[in-house]
């Protein structure tokens, strides 16, 4: 059976990606990263999604040094060019995440690394673009010793899709949206006002679907 590592954040996009990987008939291994200030509610969502999906136990990698630019501002930014970076930005996040995923992939003989990056993500995050992942696949070819016999490839099944497209796809796959967590903040209920909450609410509204979670604002 084909093995795939699915990077899981607990949000809608990664949940749809996990269900997509299952639909391919692959042996899916969820992978997530615990970094500074990450909302605990994301971990709760991940655990619930993995249990519902019936896939392998979640593999968690601790990266306490990794911080969002917003968390670094209080101490002053050494690089002034980062002052205008988008909410939620972590320098080189996907380069770090997928490099670690490739490490596990080579050890385990995993063929695919599957990420849930949609068509609007590259507008804010340069390391979520199709071009980035095309180049990263070439880097794996040059950096993994066993690549010729056991190739590793990043797949981004949501690439080019709008949030509405992702919701439709998830609906058709039977994704339990009520288990997902999209908010940037850690609280009892999603804030409803951060960038991620607004994108989610707008997508549900555009499709005329009921969002199964309630919001603070």
N, C-alpha and C. Protein backbone atom coordinates (compact mmCIF):
# COMPACT_ATOMS: atom_id res chain seq x y z
N UNK A 1 0.84 -1.20 0.00
CA UNK A 1 0.00 0.00 0.00
C UNK A 1 0.88 1.26 0.00
N UNK A 2 0.46 2.25 -0.75
CA UNK A 2 1.19 3.52 -0.81
C UNK A 2 1.09 4.24 0.52
N UNK A 3 2.22 4.71 1.03
CA UNK A 3 2.23 5.44 2.29
C UNK A 3 2.31 6.94 2.01
N UNK A 4 1.59 7.72 2.82
CA UNK A 4 1.58 9.17 2.66
C UNK A 4 1.60 9.84 4.03
N UNK A 5 2.44 10.85 4.16
CA UNK A 5 2.44 11.70 5.35
C UNK A 5 1.55 12.89 5.04
N UNK A 6 0.55 13.13 5.89
CA UNK A 6 -0.36 14.26 5.70
C UNK A 6 -0.10 15.28 6.79
N UNK A 7 0.32 16.47 6.40
CA UNK A 7 0.56 17.54 7.37
C UNK A 7 -0.78 18.09 7.83
N UNK A 8 -1.02 18.01 9.14
CA UNK A 8 -2.33 18.30 9.69
C UNK A 8 -2.26 19.46 10.68
N UNK A 9 -3.10 20.49 10.46
CA UNK A 9 -3.11 21.65 11.35
C UNK A 9 -4.37 21.73 12.19
N UNK A 10 -5.41 21.00 11.82
CA UNK A 10 -6.67 21.06 12.52
C UNK A 10 -7.71 21.93 11.84
N UNK A 11 -7.30 22.67 10.79
CA UNK A 11 -8.22 23.53 10.06
C UNK A 11 -8.93 22.79 8.93
N UNK A 12 -9.77 23.51 8.23
CA UNK A 12 -10.56 22.90 7.15
C UNK A 12 -9.68 22.35 6.04
N UNK A 13 -8.70 23.13 5.60
CA UNK A 13 -7.89 22.72 4.46
C UNK A 13 -7.14 21.41 4.73
N UNK A 14 -6.50 21.32 5.89
CA UNK A 14 -5.74 20.09 6.17
C UNK A 14 -6.68 18.91 6.42
N UNK A 15 -7.87 19.18 7.00
CA UNK A 15 -8.83 18.09 7.20
C UNK A 15 -9.30 17.53 5.87
N UNK A 16 -9.60 18.42 4.93
CA UNK A 16 -10.02 17.98 3.59
C UNK A 16 -8.90 17.18 2.93
N UNK A 17 -7.68 17.62 3.14
CA UNK A 17 -6.53 16.93 2.56
C UNK A 17 -6.38 15.52 3.14
N UNK A 18 -6.61 15.37 4.44
CA UNK A 18 -6.53 14.05 5.07
C UNK A 18 -7.60 13.13 4.50
N UNK A 19 -8.82 13.63 4.38
CA UNK A 19 -9.90 12.80 3.81
C UNK A 19 -9.62 12.49 2.34
N UNK A 20 -9.01 13.43 1.61
CA UNK A 20 -8.63 13.19 0.22
C UNK A 20 -7.61 12.05 0.13
N UNK A 21 -6.61 12.08 1.01
CA UNK A 21 -5.59 11.03 1.00
C UNK A 21 -6.22 9.67 1.31
N UNK A 22 -7.16 9.66 2.26
CA UNK A 22 -7.86 8.41 2.57
C UNK A 22 -8.61 7.89 1.34
N UNK A 23 -9.23 8.82 0.61
CA UNK A 23 -10.03 8.43 -0.56
C UNK A 23 -9.16 7.81 -1.65
N UNK A 24 -7.86 8.10 -1.63
CA UNK A 24 -6.95 7.48 -2.61
C UNK A 24 -6.61 6.05 -2.23
N UNK A 25 -7.01 5.66 -1.03
CA UNK A 25 -6.69 4.31 -0.57
C UNK A 25 -5.30 4.19 0.03
N UNK A 26 -4.69 5.32 0.39
CA UNK A 26 -3.34 5.32 0.92
C UNK A 26 -3.32 5.08 2.42
N UNK A 27 -2.16 4.63 2.90
CA UNK A 27 -1.90 4.48 4.33
C UNK A 27 -1.43 5.85 4.83
N UNK A 28 -2.34 6.61 5.46
CA UNK A 28 -2.06 8.00 5.82
C UNK A 28 -1.48 8.11 7.24
N UNK A 29 -0.36 8.82 7.34
CA UNK A 29 0.28 9.10 8.62
C UNK A 29 0.17 10.61 8.89
N UNK A 30 -0.68 11.06 9.80
CA UNK A 30 -0.78 12.49 10.10
C UNK A 30 0.48 12.98 10.82
N UNK A 31 0.91 14.17 10.45
CA UNK A 31 2.08 14.79 11.06
C UNK A 31 1.75 16.23 11.42
N UNK A 32 2.09 16.63 12.64
CA UNK A 32 1.87 18.02 13.02
C UNK A 32 3.06 18.53 13.82
N UNK A 33 3.11 19.84 14.03
CA UNK A 33 4.25 20.46 14.69
C UNK A 33 3.76 21.35 15.84
N UNK A 34 4.42 21.22 16.97
CA UNK A 34 4.06 22.01 18.15
C UNK A 34 5.09 23.13 18.29
N UNK A 35 4.68 24.35 17.95
CA UNK A 35 5.61 25.48 18.01
C UNK A 35 5.12 26.52 19.01
N UNK A 36 5.94 27.52 19.25
CA UNK A 36 5.65 28.53 20.28
C UNK A 36 4.30 29.20 20.04
N UNK A 37 3.47 29.19 21.08
CA UNK A 37 2.20 29.92 21.03
C UNK A 37 1.12 29.28 20.17
N UNK A 38 1.33 28.05 19.73
CA UNK A 38 0.31 27.43 18.89
C UNK A 38 -0.95 27.17 19.73
N UNK A 39 -2.13 27.54 19.20
CA UNK A 39 -3.37 27.33 19.96
C UNK A 39 -3.58 25.86 20.35
N UNK A 40 -3.86 25.64 21.62
CA UNK A 40 -4.11 24.27 22.08
C UNK A 40 -5.35 23.69 21.41
N UNK A 41 -6.27 24.55 21.02
CA UNK A 41 -7.48 24.07 20.37
C UNK A 41 -7.19 23.41 19.03
N UNK A 42 -6.08 23.78 18.40
CA UNK A 42 -5.70 23.12 17.16
C UNK A 42 -5.35 21.65 17.43
N UNK A 43 -4.65 21.41 18.54
CA UNK A 43 -4.30 20.02 18.88
C UNK A 43 -5.56 19.21 19.19
N UNK A 44 -6.51 19.84 19.88
CA UNK A 44 -7.77 19.16 20.17
C UNK A 44 -8.47 18.77 18.87
N UNK A 45 -8.47 19.70 17.91
CA UNK A 45 -9.10 19.43 16.62
C UNK A 45 -8.38 18.31 15.88
N UNK A 46 -7.06 18.33 15.91
CA UNK A 46 -6.27 17.31 15.22
C UNK A 46 -6.57 15.92 15.79
N UNK A 47 -6.60 15.82 17.12
CA UNK A 47 -6.87 14.53 17.76
C UNK A 47 -8.25 14.01 17.36
N UNK A 48 -9.24 14.90 17.34
CA UNK A 48 -10.59 14.50 16.98
C UNK A 48 -10.68 14.06 15.52
N UNK A 49 -9.99 14.80 14.64
CA UNK A 49 -10.01 14.46 13.21
C UNK A 49 -9.33 13.11 12.94
N UNK A 50 -8.19 12.90 13.59
CA UNK A 50 -7.46 11.63 13.40
C UNK A 50 -8.30 10.46 13.88
N UNK A 51 -8.96 10.63 15.03
CA UNK A 51 -9.81 9.57 15.56
C UNK A 51 -10.97 9.28 14.60
N UNK A 52 -11.61 10.34 14.10
CA UNK A 52 -12.74 10.15 13.20
C UNK A 52 -12.29 9.53 11.87
N UNK A 53 -11.13 9.93 11.39
CA UNK A 53 -10.63 9.42 10.10
C UNK A 53 -10.21 7.96 10.20
N UNK A 54 -9.85 7.50 11.40
CA UNK A 54 -9.43 6.12 11.56
C UNK A 54 -8.10 5.80 10.92
N UNK A 55 -7.18 6.78 10.96
CA UNK A 55 -5.86 6.59 10.37
C UNK A 55 -4.83 6.36 11.47
N UNK A 56 -3.57 6.31 11.10
CA UNK A 56 -2.50 6.11 12.07
C UNK A 56 -2.50 7.20 13.14
N UNK A 57 -1.91 6.91 14.28
CA UNK A 57 -1.80 7.89 15.36
C UNK A 57 -0.99 9.10 14.89
N UNK A 58 -1.33 10.27 15.40
CA UNK A 58 -0.66 11.49 15.00
C UNK A 58 0.80 11.48 15.47
N UNK A 59 1.68 11.90 14.60
CA UNK A 59 3.09 12.10 14.97
C UNK A 59 3.31 13.59 15.19
N UNK A 60 3.77 13.98 16.37
CA UNK A 60 3.96 15.40 16.71
C UNK A 60 5.43 15.70 16.92
N UNK A 61 5.91 16.76 16.28
CA UNK A 61 7.29 17.20 16.43
C UNK A 61 7.30 18.54 17.16
N UNK A 62 8.06 18.62 18.23
CA UNK A 62 8.13 19.85 19.02
C UNK A 62 9.20 20.79 18.47
N UNK A 63 8.79 22.02 18.16
CA UNK A 63 9.71 23.04 17.64
C UNK A 63 9.54 24.32 18.46
N UNK A 64 9.96 24.33 19.71
CA UNK A 64 9.70 25.48 20.60
C UNK A 64 10.35 26.78 20.16
N UNK A 65 11.38 26.71 19.33
CA UNK A 65 12.07 27.91 18.87
C UNK A 65 11.29 28.65 17.78
N UNK A 66 10.35 27.96 17.16
CA UNK A 66 9.65 28.52 16.00
C UNK A 66 8.55 29.48 16.47
N UNK A 67 8.61 30.73 16.01
CA UNK A 67 7.65 31.73 16.46
C UNK A 67 7.07 32.52 15.29
N UNK A 68 5.81 32.89 15.43
CA UNK A 68 5.21 33.81 14.47
C UNK A 68 5.83 35.19 14.65
N UNK A 69 5.87 35.95 13.57
CA UNK A 69 6.42 37.30 13.64
C UNK A 69 5.66 38.13 14.67
N UNK A 70 4.35 37.92 14.79
CA UNK A 70 3.56 38.66 15.77
C UNK A 70 4.07 38.42 17.19
N UNK A 71 4.55 37.22 17.48
CA UNK A 71 5.08 36.91 18.81
C UNK A 71 6.46 37.52 19.03
N UNK A 72 7.15 37.86 17.95
CA UNK A 72 8.49 38.42 18.05
C UNK A 72 8.48 39.95 18.14
N UNK A 73 7.37 40.57 17.79
CA UNK A 73 7.32 42.03 17.73
C UNK A 73 7.53 42.69 19.09
N UNK A 74 7.08 42.04 20.16
CA UNK A 74 7.19 42.65 21.48
C UNK A 74 8.64 42.90 21.86
N UNK A 75 9.54 42.07 21.38
CA UNK A 75 10.96 42.25 21.67
C UNK A 75 11.70 43.03 20.61
N UNK A 76 10.95 43.48 19.59
CA UNK A 76 11.57 44.23 18.50
C UNK A 76 12.08 43.31 17.42
N UNK A 77 11.83 43.69 16.17
CA UNK A 77 12.26 42.88 15.04
C UNK A 77 13.62 43.36 14.53
N UNK A 78 14.57 42.43 14.47
CA UNK A 78 15.90 42.79 13.97
C UNK A 78 15.85 43.11 12.49
N UNK A 79 14.92 42.50 11.77
CA UNK A 79 14.78 42.75 10.33
C UNK A 79 13.55 43.62 10.11
N UNK A 80 13.73 44.91 9.83
CA UNK A 80 12.58 45.81 9.66
C UNK A 80 11.68 45.43 8.48
N UNK A 81 12.20 44.64 7.55
CA UNK A 81 11.40 44.24 6.40
C UNK A 81 10.24 43.34 6.80
N UNK A 82 10.30 42.77 8.01
CA UNK A 82 9.23 41.89 8.48
C UNK A 82 8.06 42.63 9.11
N UNK A 83 8.20 43.93 9.28
CA UNK A 83 7.14 44.70 9.93
C UNK A 83 5.80 44.58 9.21
N UNK A 84 5.84 44.44 7.90
CA UNK A 84 4.61 44.38 7.11
C UNK A 84 4.18 42.95 6.78
N UNK A 85 4.78 41.96 7.44
CA UNK A 85 4.44 40.56 7.14
C UNK A 85 3.01 40.26 7.59
N UNK A 86 2.34 39.31 6.93
CA UNK A 86 0.93 39.03 7.23
C UNK A 86 0.73 38.34 8.57
N UNK A 87 -0.49 38.45 9.09
CA UNK A 87 -0.86 37.78 10.34
C UNK A 87 -0.63 36.28 10.20
N UNK A 88 0.03 35.70 11.20
CA UNK A 88 0.27 34.27 11.19
C UNK A 88 1.54 33.83 10.49
N UNK A 89 2.34 34.79 9.99
CA UNK A 89 3.54 34.43 9.23
C UNK A 89 4.65 33.93 10.14
N UNK A 90 5.26 32.80 9.78
CA UNK A 90 6.44 32.24 10.44
C UNK A 90 7.53 32.12 9.39
N UNK A 91 8.69 32.73 9.60
CA UNK A 91 9.76 32.65 8.60
C UNK A 91 10.12 31.20 8.25
N UNK A 92 10.11 30.92 6.96
CA UNK A 92 10.54 29.61 6.42
C UNK A 92 9.74 28.44 6.98
N UNK A 93 8.51 28.69 7.41
CA UNK A 93 7.71 27.63 8.05
C UNK A 93 7.64 26.36 7.19
N UNK A 94 7.20 26.49 5.96
CA UNK A 94 6.99 25.29 5.16
C UNK A 94 8.30 24.63 4.73
N UNK A 95 9.35 25.42 4.62
CA UNK A 95 10.66 24.84 4.33
C UNK A 95 11.08 23.94 5.49
N UNK A 96 10.82 24.40 6.71
CA UNK A 96 11.15 23.61 7.90
C UNK A 96 10.23 22.41 8.03
N UNK A 97 8.93 22.63 7.92
CA UNK A 97 7.96 21.56 8.09
C UNK A 97 8.18 20.42 7.09
N UNK A 98 8.31 20.78 5.81
CA UNK A 98 8.41 19.73 4.79
C UNK A 98 9.78 19.07 4.78
N UNK A 99 10.80 19.76 5.22
CA UNK A 99 12.12 19.12 5.35
C UNK A 99 12.08 18.04 6.43
N UNK A 100 11.40 18.35 7.54
CA UNK A 100 11.26 17.35 8.60
C UNK A 100 10.37 16.20 8.14
N UNK A 101 9.31 16.54 7.39
CA UNK A 101 8.44 15.49 6.85
C UNK A 101 9.23 14.57 5.92
N UNK A 102 10.13 15.16 5.13
CA UNK A 102 10.95 14.35 4.21
C UNK A 102 11.90 13.44 4.99
N UNK A 103 12.37 13.92 6.13
CA UNK A 103 13.23 13.09 6.98
C UNK A 103 12.48 11.81 7.38
N UNK A 104 11.27 11.98 7.88
CA UNK A 104 10.48 10.81 8.28
C UNK A 104 10.12 9.95 7.07
N UNK A 105 9.84 10.61 5.95
CA UNK A 105 9.46 9.88 4.75
C UNK A 105 10.57 8.95 4.29
N UNK A 106 11.81 9.44 4.31
CA UNK A 106 12.91 8.59 3.86
C UNK A 106 13.11 7.42 4.82
N UNK A 107 12.98 7.68 6.12
CA UNK A 107 13.13 6.60 7.09
C UNK A 107 12.04 5.55 6.94
N UNK A 108 10.82 5.99 6.68
CA UNK A 108 9.66 5.09 6.65
C UNK A 108 9.35 4.51 5.27
N UNK A 109 10.03 5.01 4.24
CA UNK A 109 9.71 4.55 2.89
C UNK A 109 8.39 5.12 2.40
N UNK A 110 8.11 6.36 2.80
CA UNK A 110 6.86 7.03 2.42
C UNK A 110 7.03 7.72 1.07
N UNK A 111 6.03 7.59 0.23
CA UNK A 111 6.12 8.14 -1.12
C UNK A 111 5.68 9.60 -1.22
N UNK A 112 4.59 9.95 -0.52
CA UNK A 112 4.01 11.28 -0.69
C UNK A 112 3.97 12.07 0.62
N UNK A 113 4.23 13.36 0.50
CA UNK A 113 4.00 14.32 1.56
C UNK A 113 2.83 15.18 1.08
N UNK A 114 1.74 15.18 1.81
CA UNK A 114 0.52 15.82 1.33
C UNK A 114 0.19 17.03 2.21
N UNK A 115 0.06 18.20 1.57
CA UNK A 115 -0.20 19.43 2.30
C UNK A 115 -1.49 20.09 1.87
N UNK A 116 -2.14 20.76 2.81
CA UNK A 116 -3.42 21.41 2.54
C UNK A 116 -3.31 22.89 2.29
N UNK A 117 -2.69 23.27 1.18
CA UNK A 117 -2.51 24.69 0.83
C UNK A 117 -3.44 25.01 -0.33
N UNK A 118 -4.35 25.95 -0.11
CA UNK A 118 -5.33 26.26 -1.15
C UNK A 118 -4.83 27.35 -2.10
N UNK A 119 -5.68 27.75 -3.01
CA UNK A 119 -5.27 28.69 -4.05
C UNK A 119 -5.05 30.11 -3.60
N UNK A 120 -5.58 30.49 -2.42
CA UNK A 120 -5.38 31.87 -1.95
C UNK A 120 -4.22 31.99 -0.97
N UNK A 121 -3.71 30.89 -0.45
CA UNK A 121 -2.60 30.94 0.50
C UNK A 121 -1.36 31.64 -0.06
N UNK A 122 -1.00 31.40 -1.34
CA UNK A 122 0.21 32.04 -1.87
C UNK A 122 0.13 33.57 -1.93
N UNK A 123 -1.09 34.13 -1.84
CA UNK A 123 -1.22 35.58 -1.85
C UNK A 123 -0.57 36.21 -0.63
N UNK A 124 -0.52 35.47 0.47
CA UNK A 124 0.07 35.98 1.71
C UNK A 124 1.38 35.29 2.08
N UNK A 125 1.49 34.02 1.71
CA UNK A 125 2.63 33.22 2.15
C UNK A 125 3.40 32.67 0.95
N UNK A 126 4.61 33.14 0.72
CA UNK A 126 5.38 32.71 -0.46
C UNK A 126 5.73 31.23 -0.45
N UNK A 127 5.80 30.62 0.74
CA UNK A 127 6.15 29.21 0.82
C UNK A 127 4.92 28.30 0.75
N UNK A 128 3.83 28.83 0.17
CA UNK A 128 2.64 28.00 -0.06
C UNK A 128 2.27 27.98 -1.54
N UNK A 129 3.17 28.43 -2.37
CA UNK A 129 2.88 28.54 -3.80
C UNK A 129 3.26 27.26 -4.55
N UNK A 130 2.61 26.99 -5.68
CA UNK A 130 2.99 25.82 -6.49
C UNK A 130 4.46 25.86 -6.89
N UNK A 131 4.98 27.06 -7.18
CA UNK A 131 6.39 27.19 -7.58
C UNK A 131 7.31 26.73 -6.45
N UNK A 132 6.96 27.11 -5.21
CA UNK A 132 7.78 26.69 -4.06
C UNK A 132 7.83 25.17 -3.98
N UNK A 133 6.67 24.52 -4.10
CA UNK A 133 6.65 23.07 -3.95
C UNK A 133 7.29 22.36 -5.14
N UNK A 134 7.22 22.95 -6.32
CA UNK A 134 7.94 22.39 -7.47
C UNK A 134 9.44 22.38 -7.20
N UNK A 135 9.94 23.49 -6.69
CA UNK A 135 11.38 23.57 -6.37
C UNK A 135 11.74 22.65 -5.21
N UNK A 136 10.84 22.56 -4.21
CA UNK A 136 11.13 21.69 -3.07
C UNK A 136 11.24 20.24 -3.50
N UNK A 137 10.42 19.82 -4.43
CA UNK A 137 10.52 18.45 -4.94
C UNK A 137 11.86 18.20 -5.62
N UNK A 138 12.39 19.22 -6.27
CA UNK A 138 13.72 19.09 -6.87
C UNK A 138 14.81 19.02 -5.81
N UNK A 139 14.61 19.77 -4.72
CA UNK A 139 15.57 19.72 -3.61
C UNK A 139 15.59 18.32 -2.99
N UNK A 140 14.43 17.70 -2.85
CA UNK A 140 14.39 16.35 -2.31
C UNK A 140 15.15 15.38 -3.21
N UNK A 141 15.03 15.57 -4.50
CA UNK A 141 15.74 14.71 -5.46
C UNK A 141 17.25 14.79 -5.23
N UNK A 142 17.71 15.98 -4.85
CA UNK A 142 19.14 16.21 -4.67
C UNK A 142 19.64 15.91 -3.25
N UNK A 143 18.70 15.84 -2.29
CA UNK A 143 19.13 15.76 -0.89
C UNK A 143 18.85 14.43 -0.20
N UNK A 144 17.99 13.60 -0.75
CA UNK A 144 17.66 12.33 -0.11
C UNK A 144 18.45 11.20 -0.76
N UNK A 145 19.24 10.49 0.03
CA UNK A 145 20.16 9.48 -0.49
C UNK A 145 19.42 8.38 -1.24
N UNK A 146 18.25 7.97 -0.73
CA UNK A 146 17.54 6.83 -1.33
C UNK A 146 16.53 7.26 -2.39
N UNK A 147 16.59 8.51 -2.84
CA UNK A 147 15.54 9.04 -3.71
C UNK A 147 15.33 8.22 -4.98
N UNK A 148 16.40 7.77 -5.61
CA UNK A 148 16.25 7.05 -6.88
C UNK A 148 15.44 5.76 -6.71
N UNK A 149 15.63 5.08 -5.59
CA UNK A 149 14.90 3.85 -5.35
C UNK A 149 13.61 4.07 -4.58
N UNK A 150 13.56 5.15 -3.80
CA UNK A 150 12.39 5.41 -2.96
C UNK A 150 12.09 6.92 -3.00
N UNK A 151 11.55 7.40 -4.13
CA UNK A 151 11.33 8.84 -4.29
C UNK A 151 10.28 9.39 -3.33
N UNK A 152 10.46 10.65 -2.97
CA UNK A 152 9.53 11.37 -2.09
C UNK A 152 9.02 12.59 -2.85
N UNK A 153 7.73 12.81 -2.82
CA UNK A 153 7.14 13.91 -3.57
C UNK A 153 6.07 14.62 -2.76
N UNK A 154 6.09 15.96 -2.80
CA UNK A 154 5.03 16.75 -2.17
C UNK A 154 3.84 16.84 -3.13
N UNK A 155 2.66 16.59 -2.61
CA UNK A 155 1.42 16.77 -3.37
C UNK A 155 0.57 17.81 -2.66
N UNK A 156 -0.02 18.71 -3.44
CA UNK A 156 -0.87 19.77 -2.88
C UNK A 156 -2.22 19.71 -3.60
N UNK A 157 -3.12 18.84 -3.16
CA UNK A 157 -4.37 18.61 -3.90
C UNK A 157 -5.33 19.80 -3.91
N UNK A 158 -5.12 20.77 -3.03
CA UNK A 158 -6.01 21.94 -3.00
C UNK A 158 -5.44 23.12 -3.78
N UNK A 159 -4.31 22.93 -4.41
CA UNK A 159 -3.65 24.02 -5.14
C UNK A 159 -4.58 24.62 -6.19
N UNK A 160 -4.69 25.94 -6.20
CA UNK A 160 -5.52 26.62 -7.19
C UNK A 160 -6.99 26.69 -6.82
N UNK A 161 -7.37 26.04 -5.72
CA UNK A 161 -8.77 26.03 -5.32
C UNK A 161 -9.10 27.18 -4.37
N UNK A 162 -10.28 27.75 -4.53
CA UNK A 162 -10.76 28.77 -3.60
C UNK A 162 -11.23 28.08 -2.32
N UNK A 163 -11.49 28.88 -1.28
CA UNK A 163 -11.99 28.31 -0.03
C UNK A 163 -13.34 27.64 -0.27
N UNK A 164 -14.13 28.23 -1.15
CA UNK A 164 -15.42 27.63 -1.49
C UNK A 164 -15.24 26.27 -2.17
N UNK A 165 -14.25 26.19 -3.07
CA UNK A 165 -13.95 24.91 -3.73
C UNK A 165 -13.55 23.85 -2.71
N UNK A 166 -12.76 24.27 -1.72
CA UNK A 166 -12.30 23.35 -0.69
C UNK A 166 -13.48 22.84 0.13
N UNK A 167 -14.40 23.75 0.47
CA UNK A 167 -15.58 23.34 1.23
C UNK A 167 -16.42 22.33 0.44
N UNK A 168 -16.60 22.60 -0.84
CA UNK A 168 -17.37 21.66 -1.67
C UNK A 168 -16.70 20.28 -1.69
N UNK A 169 -15.40 20.31 -1.85
CA UNK A 169 -14.64 19.06 -1.89
C UNK A 169 -14.78 18.32 -0.56
N UNK A 170 -14.67 19.05 0.54
CA UNK A 170 -14.80 18.44 1.85
C UNK A 170 -16.19 17.90 2.10
N UNK A 171 -17.19 18.63 1.65
CA UNK A 171 -18.58 18.17 1.79
C UNK A 171 -18.77 16.84 1.05
N UNK A 172 -18.23 16.76 -0.16
CA UNK A 172 -18.38 15.54 -0.95
C UNK A 172 -17.62 14.35 -0.35
N UNK A 173 -16.52 14.66 0.36
CA UNK A 173 -15.72 13.61 0.98
C UNK A 173 -16.23 13.22 2.37
N UNK A 174 -17.20 13.99 2.88
CA UNK A 174 -17.74 13.68 4.20
C UNK A 174 -16.88 14.17 5.34
N UNK A 175 -16.14 15.26 5.14
CA UNK A 175 -15.29 15.81 6.20
C UNK A 175 -16.15 16.38 7.33
N UNK A 176 -15.85 16.03 8.59
CA UNK A 176 -16.62 16.55 9.72
C UNK A 176 -16.15 17.97 10.09
N UNK A 177 -16.69 18.97 9.43
CA UNK A 177 -16.25 20.34 9.64
C UNK A 177 -16.42 20.80 11.08
N UNK A 178 -17.36 20.18 11.80
CA UNK A 178 -17.59 20.59 13.18
C UNK A 178 -16.41 20.29 14.10
N UNK A 179 -15.51 19.42 13.65
CA UNK A 179 -14.33 19.07 14.46
C UNK A 179 -13.14 19.97 14.18
N UNK A 180 -13.22 20.80 13.14
CA UNK A 180 -12.06 21.61 12.75
C UNK A 180 -11.96 22.89 13.57
N UNK A 181 -10.77 23.45 13.61
CA UNK A 181 -10.50 24.71 14.31
C UNK A 181 -9.73 25.62 13.36
N UNK A 182 -10.31 26.76 12.99
CA UNK A 182 -9.69 27.66 12.02
C UNK A 182 -9.10 28.92 12.64
N UNK A 183 -9.48 29.24 13.86
CA UNK A 183 -9.10 30.51 14.49
C UNK A 183 -7.61 30.57 14.81
N UNK A 184 -7.02 31.76 14.65
CA UNK A 184 -5.62 31.96 14.99
C UNK A 184 -5.38 31.96 16.51
N UNK A 185 -6.45 32.15 17.29
CA UNK A 185 -6.29 32.36 18.73
C UNK A 185 -6.81 31.18 19.54
N UNK A 186 -6.31 31.08 20.77
CA UNK A 186 -6.69 29.98 21.66
C UNK A 186 -7.75 30.48 22.63
N UNK A 187 -8.98 30.05 22.44
CA UNK A 187 -10.09 30.49 23.30
C UNK A 187 -11.19 29.43 23.26
N UNK A 188 -12.23 29.67 24.03
CA UNK A 188 -13.30 28.67 24.12
C UNK A 188 -14.02 28.47 22.78
N UNK A 189 -14.27 29.57 22.08
CA UNK A 189 -14.90 29.52 20.76
C UNK A 189 -14.09 30.40 19.81
N UNK A 190 -14.13 30.14 18.51
CA UNK A 190 -13.38 30.96 17.55
C UNK A 190 -13.77 32.43 17.64
N UNK A 191 -12.79 33.31 17.39
CA UNK A 191 -13.04 34.75 17.52
C UNK A 191 -14.01 35.27 16.47
N UNK A 192 -13.94 34.70 15.28
CA UNK A 192 -14.82 35.14 14.20
C UNK A 192 -14.31 36.34 13.43
N UNK A 193 -13.20 36.94 13.89
CA UNK A 193 -12.72 38.17 13.28
C UNK A 193 -11.30 38.11 12.71
N UNK A 194 -10.52 37.09 13.08
CA UNK A 194 -9.17 36.99 12.51
C UNK A 194 -9.29 36.64 11.03
N UNK A 195 -8.19 36.74 10.30
CA UNK A 195 -8.21 36.49 8.86
C UNK A 195 -8.76 35.10 8.54
N UNK A 196 -8.31 34.11 9.28
CA UNK A 196 -8.73 32.74 9.01
C UNK A 196 -10.22 32.53 9.28
N UNK A 197 -10.70 33.10 10.39
CA UNK A 197 -12.14 32.99 10.70
C UNK A 197 -12.98 33.69 9.64
N UNK A 198 -12.54 34.85 9.20
CA UNK A 198 -13.30 35.60 8.20
C UNK A 198 -13.37 34.84 6.88
N UNK A 199 -12.26 34.24 6.47
CA UNK A 199 -12.24 33.46 5.23
C UNK A 199 -13.19 32.27 5.33
N UNK A 200 -13.18 31.62 6.47
CA UNK A 200 -14.05 30.46 6.68
C UNK A 200 -15.52 30.87 6.64
N UNK A 201 -15.88 31.91 7.38
CA UNK A 201 -17.27 32.35 7.45
C UNK A 201 -17.79 32.79 6.09
N UNK A 202 -16.93 33.49 5.35
CA UNK A 202 -17.33 33.96 4.03
C UNK A 202 -17.57 32.80 3.08
N UNK A 203 -16.73 31.78 3.16
CA UNK A 203 -16.88 30.62 2.27
C UNK A 203 -18.18 29.88 2.55
N UNK A 204 -18.49 29.65 3.81
CA UNK A 204 -19.74 28.99 4.15
C UNK A 204 -20.93 29.82 3.67
N UNK A 205 -20.85 31.14 3.90
CA UNK A 205 -21.96 32.02 3.51
C UNK A 205 -22.15 32.04 2.01
N UNK A 206 -21.06 32.08 1.26
CA UNK A 206 -21.13 32.12 -0.20
C UNK A 206 -21.81 30.88 -0.76
N UNK A 207 -21.54 29.74 -0.14
CA UNK A 207 -22.13 28.47 -0.60
C UNK A 207 -23.51 28.23 -0.02
N UNK A 208 -23.93 29.09 0.90
CA UNK A 208 -25.24 28.89 1.52
C UNK A 208 -25.27 27.70 2.45
N UNK A 209 -24.11 27.37 3.02
CA UNK A 209 -24.01 26.25 3.95
C UNK A 209 -23.95 26.76 5.39
N UNK A 210 -24.43 25.97 6.32
CA UNK A 210 -24.35 26.35 7.72
C UNK A 210 -23.00 25.94 8.29
N UNK A 211 -22.29 26.91 8.86
CA UNK A 211 -21.03 26.60 9.53
C UNK A 211 -21.39 25.95 10.87
N UNK A 212 -20.92 24.74 11.13
CA UNK A 212 -21.31 24.02 12.34
C UNK A 212 -20.66 24.51 13.63
N UNK A 213 -19.77 25.50 13.54
CA UNK A 213 -19.17 26.05 14.76
C UNK A 213 -19.76 27.42 15.05
N UNK A 214 -19.79 27.80 16.33
CA UNK A 214 -20.26 29.14 16.70
C UNK A 214 -19.08 30.03 16.97
N UNK A 215 -19.27 31.32 16.80
CA UNK A 215 -18.18 32.29 16.94
C UNK A 215 -18.43 33.27 18.09
N UNK A 216 -17.35 33.84 18.56
CA UNK A 216 -17.44 34.83 19.64
C UNK A 216 -18.00 36.15 19.13
N UNK A 217 -17.56 36.54 17.92
CA UNK A 217 -17.98 37.82 17.39
C UNK A 217 -18.57 37.71 16.00
